[in-house]
Amino acid sequence: MHDIRAIRADPVGFGAALTRRGLDGEAEAQGLVAADADRRAIATALQTVQAARNALARQVGQGRRAGLDTAALEAEATEYRARAERDEQRAEQLAVRLHDHVSRLPNVLDADVPDGADETHNVELRRCGAAREVSFAPRQHFELGEALGLMDFDRAARLSGSRFTVLRGGLARLERGLGQFMLDLHTGAHGYEEASVPALVNDAALFGTGQLPKFAEDLFRTTDGRWLIPTSEVPLTNLAASEILPEACLPIRRTALTDCFRSEAGASGRDTRGMLRQHQFRKVELVSITRPEDSDAEHERMTACAEAVLEALELPYRRMFLCSGDTGFSAARTYDLEVWLPGQGMWREISSCSNTRAFQARRMNARFRPKQGDIAHVHTLNGSGVAVGRALIAVMENYQRADGGIDVPAVLQPAMAGLKTIGRGSTLPEH
C-alpha cells in the first residue's frame, strides 16, 4: 500500500517507479493526485457546510429561547443538513475509490533492481554446487515416481482432478522427512519460532499481504467467504496486523510448515505433468518483521537460511536477482533460489525471498514504537524455506540411480529410519 501523501509530494518520482513496473506511471500518478485533490476539496467543502449548519443550529436555539419565529432559519438549516449529507456521501465514495485504486498498485522497486520485461532478464548472482555426473540418461521425477509405484497422478485425478498427486511408501515418508528437517533447521540453527497457523483466512488477511483485491482468481474460496491460504506468509505476517510492537521485540522471525492452495489460474498448459505446479502443496515459510533500518540485512540473512537447506541436501542451486518485470506485486526486491533438475536439464525455482519494505505493513497497519521518535511502520519479509514438493523433486532427480532407485541424502536418513535407498514399493492393482 502506498502513502497518498508521499505520492502527492513527488508524483513524478512515483510515476517513474510505476513505469518500471510496466504501467503507465505518469497517467497513474496524475490520476491519483487529481482524485486526491477532489477528495480533499469535498472534505474542505464539507467542513464549511458543517460549520454553517452548526452556526444556524445555535441561532435557531437562541431564537426559540427568545420566542422568535425561527422558521426561516430552520429551513436554511435543513438545506445545509441535506448538503452536508450529500457531501459526506460524496467524500466517502471518493475515499473508497481512491483507496481501491491505490490498493491495486504494486510496490515501488528498489533502485538497484535490474530492469527487464520477464524472467529472461533476471541476474544470476552466484552458484553453489555442481551437477552430479551420471552414466545414464536421467529421468524426470514423475517418471521415477511412477516406475517405483509410489507416485500416482491418475488416482489423484479421480479423487480431485488435475494438478494433484498421491505419494505412498518411501516417497510419502521422504516428503514428510524433508518438511521436518527444514523446520528443525530453521528453529534450531536459525532462530525462527515455529508456529501452527490456520489454513483459512479472511479478506483482511489477504488484503494485508497483497493477494487481494488484485489476485482473487489465483485463490480458492470457501462457501462461507473465507479463503484457503496460498502460503503461510499470509497468517504469519498478519500476526502483526493492527499491532504497535515494542522496538525491543524486533526482529520477529517465524516459520511454519503448511499445506498451501493455489488455483494456478495463469498456468494453463505449463508443467502439466508431474508435481511442479500443484493446486495443493507443502511449503516451509519464513517470515521476518523488522525495523526499517534492519530489513536489508534481514533479507540477506533469510536468503542464506533458505540456501542452507539446499546446501545440507547437497543440491546444486543458484541465486537470482529478479528483474523489474518478474518481481512480485508486494515486493521491493526479490531473490529466487533455483535448483538444478537433471531430468529436466534446467534450473527451476525452489525458493523466493522478498523484502516488501513497509508496503504490507501499511496495508495491515503493523507498526512499532521506537525508543526514540514517532511510531512507524515495520518492514516485513517473507521467503520459502523451502517448498517441500519441489525439494522432493530435486532430491529425486539429483539422487536417482541407474536402476531407478533414489538414494536418500545423508541428512535425511535419520528421518527415514536409516533407509538409504528408496526402491520399488508395493503397488495397487493396475487399472
Protein backbone atom coordinates (compact mmCIF):
# COMPACT_ATOMS: atom_id res chain seq x y z
CA MET A 1 0.00 0.00 0.00
CA HIS A 2 1.22 3.46 -0.82
CA ASP A 3 1.04 6.63 1.26
CA ILE A 4 -1.02 9.15 -0.73
CA ARG A 5 0.88 11.97 0.97
CA ALA A 6 4.15 10.66 -0.46
CA ILE A 7 2.57 10.37 -3.91
CA ARG A 8 1.28 13.94 -3.64
CA ALA A 9 4.72 15.17 -2.56
CA ASP A 10 6.53 13.54 -5.52
CA PRO A 11 4.14 12.47 -8.29
CA VAL A 12 6.91 12.46 -10.91
CA GLY A 13 9.07 10.07 -8.88
CA PHE A 14 6.10 7.82 -8.11
CA GLY A 15 5.10 7.77 -11.78
CA ALA A 16 8.63 6.79 -12.78
CA ALA A 17 8.56 3.96 -10.21
CA LEU A 18 5.33 2.57 -11.68
CA THR A 19 6.72 2.85 -15.20
CA ARG A 20 9.46 0.42 -14.16
CA ARG A 21 6.63 -1.97 -13.31
CA GLY A 22 5.33 -1.80 -16.86
CA LEU A 23 2.45 0.57 -16.06
CA ASP A 24 1.66 3.99 -17.49
CA GLY A 25 3.24 5.61 -14.46
CA GLU A 26 2.72 9.22 -15.44
CA ALA A 27 -1.01 8.73 -16.07
CA GLU A 28 -1.40 6.73 -12.85
CA ALA A 29 0.34 9.37 -10.76
CA GLN A 30 -1.60 12.23 -12.33
CA GLY A 31 -4.88 10.39 -11.85
CA LEU A 32 -4.16 9.70 -8.20
CA VAL A 33 -3.14 13.29 -7.49
CA ALA A 34 -6.30 14.57 -9.19
CA ALA A 35 -8.51 12.11 -7.30
CA ASP A 36 -6.84 13.07 -4.04
CA ALA A 37 -7.38 16.77 -4.82
CA ASP A 38 -11.09 16.09 -5.43
CA ARG A 39 -11.32 14.18 -2.17
CA ARG A 40 -9.63 16.95 -0.19
CA ALA A 41 -11.74 19.64 -1.90
CA ILE A 42 -15.01 17.92 -0.99
CA ALA A 43 -13.70 17.37 2.55
CA THR A 44 -12.96 21.10 2.84
CA ALA A 45 -16.40 21.97 1.45
CA LEU A 46 -17.99 19.57 3.92
CA GLN A 47 -16.23 21.28 6.81
CA THR A 48 -17.56 24.64 5.61
CA VAL A 49 -21.12 23.30 5.32
CA GLN A 50 -20.93 21.64 8.72
CA ALA A 51 -19.66 24.86 10.30
CA ALA A 52 -22.53 26.85 8.74
CA ARG A 53 -25.07 24.22 9.84
CA ASN A 54 -23.75 24.33 13.40
CA ALA A 55 -23.93 28.14 13.42
CA LEU A 56 -27.55 28.04 12.22
CA ALA A 57 -28.41 25.46 14.84
CA ARG A 58 -27.13 27.82 17.51
CA GLN A 59 -29.16 30.70 16.05
CA VAL A 60 -32.31 28.56 15.99
CA GLY A 61 -31.78 27.62 19.62
CA GLN A 62 -31.22 31.22 20.64
CA GLY A 63 -34.27 32.38 18.67
CA ARG A 64 -36.53 29.76 20.22
CA ARG A 65 -35.39 30.72 23.71
CA ALA A 66 -36.16 34.37 22.86
CA GLY A 67 -39.61 33.47 21.50
CA LEU A 68 -38.76 34.49 17.91
CA ASP A 69 -40.04 32.99 14.66
CA THR A 70 -37.24 30.64 13.55
CA ALA A 71 -38.98 29.00 10.59
CA ALA A 72 -36.68 30.61 8.01
CA LEU A 73 -33.58 29.69 9.95
CA GLU A 74 -34.84 26.11 10.38
CA ALA A 75 -35.48 25.80 6.64
CA GLU A 76 -31.98 27.05 5.90
CA ALA A 77 -30.55 24.62 8.47
CA THR A 78 -32.44 21.75 6.81
CA GLU A 79 -30.94 22.73 3.46
CA TYR A 80 -27.43 22.78 4.95
CA ARG A 81 -28.06 19.40 6.58
CA ALA A 82 -29.05 17.94 3.22
CA ARG A 83 -25.94 19.44 1.60
CA ALA A 84 -23.76 18.01 4.35
CA GLU A 85 -25.24 14.55 3.86
CA ARG A 86 -24.61 14.74 0.11
CA ASP A 87 -21.05 15.94 0.67
CA GLU A 88 -20.43 13.21 3.25
CA GLN A 89 -21.64 10.57 0.82
CA ARG A 90 -19.56 12.03 -1.98
CA ALA A 91 -16.47 12.26 0.26
CA GLU A 92 -16.89 8.62 1.31
CA GLN A 93 -17.28 7.50 -2.32
CA LEU A 94 -14.14 9.37 -3.37
CA ALA A 95 -12.15 7.98 -0.44
CA VAL A 96 -13.23 4.39 -1.20
CA ARG A 97 -12.46 4.82 -4.91
CA LEU A 98 -9.03 6.29 -4.18
CA HIS A 99 -8.23 3.56 -1.63
CA ASP A 100 -9.28 0.84 -4.07
CA HIS A 101 -7.14 2.35 -6.84
CA VAL A 102 -4.06 2.69 -4.65
CA SER A 103 -4.50 -0.84 -3.26
CA ARG A 104 -4.20 -2.31 -6.77
CA LEU A 105 -0.84 -0.69 -7.48
CA PRO A 106 2.34 -2.74 -6.90
CA ASN A 107 5.14 -1.85 -4.53
CA VAL A 108 7.89 0.54 -5.57
CA LEU A 109 11.03 -1.36 -6.59
CA ASP A 110 14.40 -0.72 -5.02
CA ALA A 111 16.65 1.39 -7.22
CA ASP A 112 19.14 -1.43 -7.85
CA VAL A 113 16.54 -3.94 -9.08
CA PRO A 114 17.57 -4.75 -12.66
CA ASP A 115 15.21 -3.57 -15.39
CA GLY A 116 13.68 -6.22 -17.61
CA ALA A 117 10.40 -7.44 -19.02
CA ASP A 118 10.41 -11.02 -17.76
CA GLU A 119 12.43 -13.84 -16.15
CA THR A 120 14.92 -13.88 -19.02
CA HIS A 121 16.32 -10.62 -17.65
CA ASN A 122 16.90 -11.89 -14.10
CA VAL A 123 20.52 -11.64 -12.96
CA GLU A 124 22.45 -14.63 -11.66
CA LEU A 125 24.41 -13.60 -8.56
CA ARG A 126 26.16 -16.87 -7.72
CA ARG A 127 26.10 -20.67 -7.98
CA CYS A 128 26.72 -23.32 -5.39
CA GLY A 129 27.44 -26.95 -6.10
CA ALA A 130 27.85 -28.85 -9.34
CA ALA A 131 25.51 -31.25 -11.07
CA ARG A 132 26.29 -34.90 -10.41
CA GLU A 133 27.81 -36.75 -13.32
CA VAL A 134 25.88 -39.88 -14.29
CA SER A 135 26.49 -42.55 -16.91
CA PHE A 136 22.81 -42.88 -17.81
CA ALA A 137 20.08 -40.68 -19.19
CA PRO A 138 18.48 -39.00 -16.15
CA ARG A 139 14.72 -39.27 -15.82
CA GLN A 140 12.22 -36.68 -14.59
CA HIS A 141 10.67 -37.06 -11.16
CA PHE A 142 7.30 -38.29 -12.40
CA GLU A 143 8.97 -40.97 -14.49
CA LEU A 144 10.92 -42.13 -11.45
CA GLY A 145 7.95 -41.97 -9.09
CA GLU A 146 5.57 -43.80 -11.37
CA ALA A 147 8.14 -46.51 -12.16
CA LEU A 148 8.63 -47.03 -8.42
CA GLY A 149 4.87 -47.31 -7.94
CA LEU A 150 4.98 -44.60 -5.27
CA MET A 151 3.66 -41.56 -7.17
CA ASP A 152 0.13 -41.76 -8.56
CA PHE A 153 -1.37 -38.99 -10.68
CA ASP A 154 -4.23 -40.99 -12.22
CA ARG A 155 -5.85 -41.89 -8.91
CA ALA A 156 -5.26 -38.36 -7.60
CA ALA A 157 -7.13 -37.05 -10.65
CA ARG A 158 -10.02 -39.42 -9.90
CA LEU A 159 -10.15 -38.02 -6.38
CA SER A 160 -9.65 -34.33 -7.05
CA GLY A 161 -8.99 -33.53 -10.71
CA SER A 162 -5.79 -32.39 -12.36
CA ARG A 163 -2.74 -30.94 -10.55
CA PHE A 164 -2.93 -33.24 -7.55
CA THR A 165 -0.64 -36.13 -6.55
CA VAL A 166 -0.83 -39.17 -4.28
CA LEU A 167 2.50 -40.21 -2.73
CA ARG A 168 2.96 -43.53 -0.97
CA GLY A 169 5.56 -45.51 0.88
CA GLY A 170 9.11 -44.22 0.71
CA LEU A 171 8.24 -41.07 -1.22
CA ALA A 172 5.50 -40.09 1.24
CA ARG A 173 7.95 -40.60 4.07
CA LEU A 174 10.64 -38.65 2.22
CA GLU A 175 8.27 -35.71 1.77
CA ARG A 176 7.44 -35.80 5.49
CA GLY A 177 11.12 -36.05 6.38
CA LEU A 178 12.00 -33.06 4.23
CA GLY A 179 9.45 -30.83 5.95
CA GLN A 180 10.57 -31.95 9.40
CA PHE A 181 14.23 -31.43 8.54
CA MET A 182 13.60 -27.88 7.34
CA LEU A 183 11.60 -26.95 10.44
CA ASP A 184 14.27 -28.37 12.74
CA LEU A 185 17.00 -26.48 10.86
CA HIS A 186 15.22 -23.12 10.91
CA THR A 187 14.13 -23.34 14.54
CA GLY A 188 17.30 -24.93 15.88
CA ALA A 189 20.06 -23.27 13.87
CA HIS A 190 18.45 -20.11 12.50
CA GLY A 191 16.40 -18.84 15.42
CA TYR A 192 12.92 -18.91 13.87
CA GLU A 193 9.94 -19.58 16.12
CA GLU A 194 7.71 -22.37 14.86
CA ALA A 195 4.01 -21.54 14.53
CA SER A 196 0.93 -23.58 13.72
CA VAL A 197 -1.47 -21.31 11.86
CA PRO A 198 -4.95 -21.52 10.29
CA ALA A 199 -5.26 -22.65 6.69
CA LEU A 200 -8.39 -20.49 6.30
CA VAL A 201 -8.19 -16.70 6.48
CA ASN A 202 -10.49 -13.73 5.92
CA ASP A 203 -10.42 -10.95 3.34
CA ALA A 204 -8.46 -8.59 5.59
CA ALA A 205 -5.56 -11.04 5.98
CA LEU A 206 -5.18 -11.50 2.23
CA PHE A 207 -5.50 -7.77 1.64
CA GLY A 208 -2.75 -7.19 4.18
CA THR A 209 -0.19 -9.31 2.33
CA GLY A 210 -1.29 -8.09 -1.11
CA GLN A 211 -3.18 -11.05 -2.60
CA LEU A 212 -6.49 -9.16 -2.53
CA PRO A 213 -8.08 -7.48 -4.32
CA LYS A 214 -5.99 -7.97 -7.44
CA PHE A 215 -5.25 -11.70 -7.36
CA ALA A 216 -8.52 -13.24 -6.21
CA GLU A 217 -8.61 -15.57 -9.22
CA ASP A 218 -5.40 -17.24 -8.02
CA LEU A 219 -7.06 -18.32 -4.76
CA PHE A 220 -9.62 -20.86 -3.57
CA ARG A 221 -12.62 -19.51 -1.63
CA THR A 222 -14.96 -21.41 0.65
CA THR A 223 -18.74 -21.10 0.61
CA ASP A 224 -18.70 -19.07 3.83
CA GLY A 225 -16.43 -16.40 2.34
CA ARG A 226 -13.08 -17.46 3.78
CA TRP A 227 -10.01 -18.30 1.71
CA LEU A 228 -7.55 -21.20 1.65
CA ILE A 229 -4.06 -19.82 2.20
CA PRO A 230 -1.77 -19.68 -0.85
CA THR A 231 1.19 -19.64 1.57
CA SER A 232 1.59 -19.36 5.33
CA GLU A 233 3.15 -15.95 4.70
CA VAL A 234 -0.44 -14.70 4.98
CA PRO A 235 -1.24 -15.78 8.57
CA LEU A 236 2.35 -15.46 9.80
CA THR A 237 2.71 -11.85 8.64
CA ASN A 238 -0.80 -10.88 9.74
CA LEU A 239 0.03 -11.87 13.31
CA ALA A 240 1.41 -8.30 13.47
CA ALA A 241 -1.69 -6.70 11.89
CA SER A 242 -3.11 -3.72 13.82
CA GLU A 243 -0.33 -4.07 16.40
CA ILE A 244 2.07 -1.49 17.79
CA LEU A 245 5.11 -3.59 18.67
CA PRO A 246 7.80 -2.50 21.15
CA GLU A 247 11.13 -1.98 19.40
CA ALA A 248 12.80 -4.38 21.82
CA CYS A 249 10.86 -7.36 20.40
CA LEU A 250 12.17 -6.82 16.86
CA PRO A 251 13.17 -8.65 14.78
CA ILE A 252 10.40 -11.24 14.94
CA ARG A 253 11.21 -14.41 12.98
CA ARG A 254 8.60 -17.11 12.48
CA THR A 255 8.31 -20.29 10.43
CA ALA A 256 5.53 -22.74 9.63
CA LEU A 257 5.02 -25.88 7.58
CA THR A 258 1.58 -25.86 5.99
CA ASP A 259 -0.39 -27.07 3.06
CA CYS A 260 -0.78 -24.28 0.51
CA PHE A 261 -3.53 -23.92 -2.09
CA ARG A 262 -3.37 -22.10 -5.42
CA SER A 263 -5.70 -22.18 -8.40
CA GLU A 264 -2.81 -21.76 -10.87
CA ALA A 265 -5.20 -19.66 -12.95
CA GLY A 266 -2.40 -18.34 -15.13
CA ALA A 267 -0.60 -21.65 -15.57
CA SER A 268 -2.69 -23.19 -18.34
CA GLY A 269 -0.52 -25.57 -20.34
CA ARG A 270 2.53 -25.11 -18.07
CA ASP A 271 4.09 -28.01 -16.15
CA THR A 272 1.05 -30.19 -16.72
CA ARG A 273 2.97 -33.38 -15.94
CA GLY A 274 4.37 -34.14 -12.54
CA MET A 275 4.11 -32.17 -9.31
CA LEU A 276 5.98 -28.96 -10.07
CA ARG A 277 2.81 -26.87 -10.21
CA GLN A 278 0.06 -28.21 -7.97
CA HIS A 279 -3.21 -26.92 -6.53
CA GLN A 280 -2.16 -28.26 -3.12
CA PHE A 281 1.44 -28.42 -1.91
CA ARG A 282 3.50 -28.12 1.25
CA LYS A 283 5.93 -25.37 1.99
CA VAL A 284 8.07 -24.22 4.89
CA GLU A 285 7.65 -20.45 5.10
CA LEU A 286 9.97 -17.91 6.71
CA VAL A 287 8.64 -14.51 7.83
CA SER A 288 10.54 -11.65 9.46
CA ILE A 289 9.26 -8.41 10.93
CA THR A 290 11.97 -5.81 11.46
CA ARG A 291 12.86 -2.19 11.97
CA PRO A 292 13.20 -0.37 8.62
CA GLU A 293 16.95 0.06 9.01
CA ASP A 294 17.43 -3.67 9.55
CA SER A 295 15.46 -5.10 6.63
CA ASP A 296 18.30 -5.15 4.08
CA ALA A 297 20.48 -7.26 6.34
CA GLU A 298 17.49 -9.44 7.23
CA HIS A 299 16.81 -10.10 3.55
CA GLU A 300 20.34 -11.40 3.09
CA ARG A 301 20.07 -13.47 6.26
CA MET A 302 16.73 -15.00 5.27
CA THR A 303 18.00 -15.96 1.83
CA ALA A 304 21.07 -17.56 3.41
CA CYS A 305 18.77 -19.60 5.70
CA ALA A 306 16.95 -20.96 2.64
CA GLU A 307 20.28 -21.66 0.94
CA ALA A 308 21.38 -23.64 3.98
CA VAL A 309 18.59 -26.15 3.28
CA LEU A 310 19.86 -26.77 -0.25
CA GLU A 311 23.47 -26.94 0.90
CA ALA A 312 22.62 -29.52 3.56
CA LEU A 313 20.81 -31.59 0.92
CA GLU A 314 23.84 -31.13 -1.37
CA LEU A 315 21.67 -29.86 -4.21
CA PRO A 316 23.19 -27.58 -6.90
CA TYR A 317 21.50 -24.17 -6.87
CA ARG A 318 21.94 -20.60 -7.97
CA ARG A 319 20.78 -17.27 -6.51
CA MET A 320 18.91 -14.98 -8.92
CA PHE A 321 18.13 -11.26 -8.52
CA LEU A 322 14.70 -10.78 -10.07
CA CYS A 323 14.25 -8.02 -12.62
CA SER A 324 11.50 -5.41 -12.57
CA GLY A 325 9.17 -7.42 -14.78
CA ASP A 326 9.45 -10.59 -12.69
CA THR A 327 9.29 -9.13 -9.18
CA GLY A 328 6.05 -9.88 -7.34
CA PHE A 329 3.32 -7.36 -6.56
CA SER A 330 4.21 -6.74 -2.89
CA ALA A 331 8.00 -6.98 -3.15
CA ALA A 332 10.52 -4.17 -3.37
CA ARG A 333 13.25 -6.69 -4.19
CA THR A 334 13.38 -10.48 -4.51
CA TYR A 335 16.00 -13.20 -4.66
CA ASP A 336 14.99 -16.52 -6.16
CA LEU A 337 16.88 -19.73 -5.47
CA GLU A 338 16.81 -22.08 -8.43
CA VAL A 339 17.74 -25.73 -8.06
CA TRP A 340 19.20 -27.87 -10.85
CA LEU A 341 16.88 -30.61 -12.10
CA PRO A 342 18.88 -33.05 -14.25
CA GLY A 343 15.75 -34.81 -15.50
CA GLN A 344 14.53 -31.55 -16.99
CA GLY A 345 18.02 -30.33 -17.73
CA MET A 346 17.22 -26.88 -16.37
CA TRP A 347 17.13 -24.65 -13.30
CA ARG A 348 13.77 -24.32 -11.51
CA GLU A 349 12.70 -22.03 -8.68
CA ILE A 350 12.57 -23.66 -5.26
CA SER A 351 12.58 -20.58 -3.03
CA SER A 352 11.68 -16.92 -3.34
CA CYS A 353 12.77 -14.44 -0.65
CA SER A 354 11.37 -10.90 -0.72
CA ASN A 355 11.68 -7.64 1.18
CA THR A 356 8.37 -5.77 0.97
CA ARG A 357 9.65 -2.78 2.96
CA ALA A 358 6.59 -1.08 4.60
CA PHE A 359 4.20 -1.99 1.75
CA GLN A 360 2.43 -4.83 3.57
CA ALA A 361 2.73 -3.12 6.95
CA ARG A 362 0.76 -0.10 5.70
CA ARG A 363 -1.94 -2.41 4.32
CA MET A 364 -2.32 -4.22 7.66
CA ASN A 365 -1.38 -1.27 9.91
CA ALA A 366 1.54 -3.08 11.53
CA ARG A 367 3.71 -0.61 13.45
CA PHE A 368 6.35 -0.37 16.17
CA ARG A 369 7.18 2.10 18.89
CA PRO A 370 10.87 3.07 18.75
CA LYS A 371 12.76 4.02 21.87
CA GLN A 372 13.08 7.47 20.40
CA GLY A 373 10.94 9.12 17.77
CA ASP A 374 7.44 8.57 16.43
CA ILE A 375 5.55 5.33 15.89
CA ALA A 376 6.44 3.94 12.44
CA HIS A 377 5.52 1.04 10.19
CA VAL A 378 7.62 -2.10 10.45
CA HIS A 379 9.22 -3.78 7.44
CA THR A 380 8.07 -7.29 6.54
CA LEU A 381 9.96 -10.01 4.69
CA ASN A 382 8.96 -13.47 3.54
CA GLY A 383 10.63 -16.43 1.91
CA SER A 384 10.30 -20.12 1.15
CA GLY A 385 12.49 -22.16 3.36
CA VAL A 386 11.85 -24.12 1.08
CA ALA A 387 8.97 -25.56 -0.99
CA VAL A 388 8.75 -29.17 0.18
CA GLY A 389 7.32 -30.63 -3.03
CA ARG A 390 9.97 -29.03 -5.17
CA ALA A 391 12.67 -30.17 -2.75
CA LEU A 392 11.30 -33.70 -3.13
CA ILE A 393 11.51 -33.36 -6.91
CA ALA A 394 15.09 -32.06 -6.67
CA VAL A 395 16.17 -34.91 -4.39
CA MET A 396 14.55 -37.50 -6.65
CA GLU A 397 16.20 -36.18 -9.82
CA ASN A 398 19.61 -35.43 -8.32
CA TYR A 399 19.89 -38.65 -6.30
CA GLN A 400 18.43 -41.05 -8.88
CA ARG A 401 20.23 -44.29 -9.66
CA ALA A 402 20.65 -46.19 -12.91
CA ASP A 403 18.36 -48.95 -11.58
CA GLY A 404 15.52 -46.43 -10.98
CA GLY A 405 16.03 -46.21 -7.23
CA ILE A 406 16.65 -42.99 -5.31
CA ASP A 407 19.44 -42.55 -2.79
CA VAL A 408 18.42 -40.73 0.38
CA PRO A 409 20.62 -37.72 1.26
CA ALA A 410 22.63 -38.37 4.40
CA VAL A 411 20.99 -35.53 6.30
CA LEU A 412 17.54 -37.10 5.75
CA GLN A 413 18.39 -40.68 6.66
CA PRO A 414 17.55 -40.27 10.39
CA ALA A 415 14.02 -39.18 9.39
CA MET A 416 13.82 -42.24 7.14
CA ALA A 417 14.68 -44.65 9.96
CA GLY A 418 18.09 -45.16 8.40
CA LEU A 419 16.74 -46.03 4.95
CA LYS A 420 19.47 -45.19 2.44
CA THR A 421 17.74 -46.02 -0.83
CA ILE A 422 14.12 -45.90 -1.98
CA GLY A 423 13.35 -48.77 -4.31
CA ARG A 424 10.21 -50.08 -5.89
CA GLY A 425 7.42 -50.28 -3.34
CA SER A 426 4.12 -52.12 -3.18
CA THR A 427 1.65 -51.06 -5.84
CA LEU A 428 -2.12 -51.02 -6.15
CA PRO A 429 -3.62 -53.28 -8.83
CA GLU A 430 -3.35 -51.94 -12.35
CA HIS A 431 -6.46 -50.20 -13.60
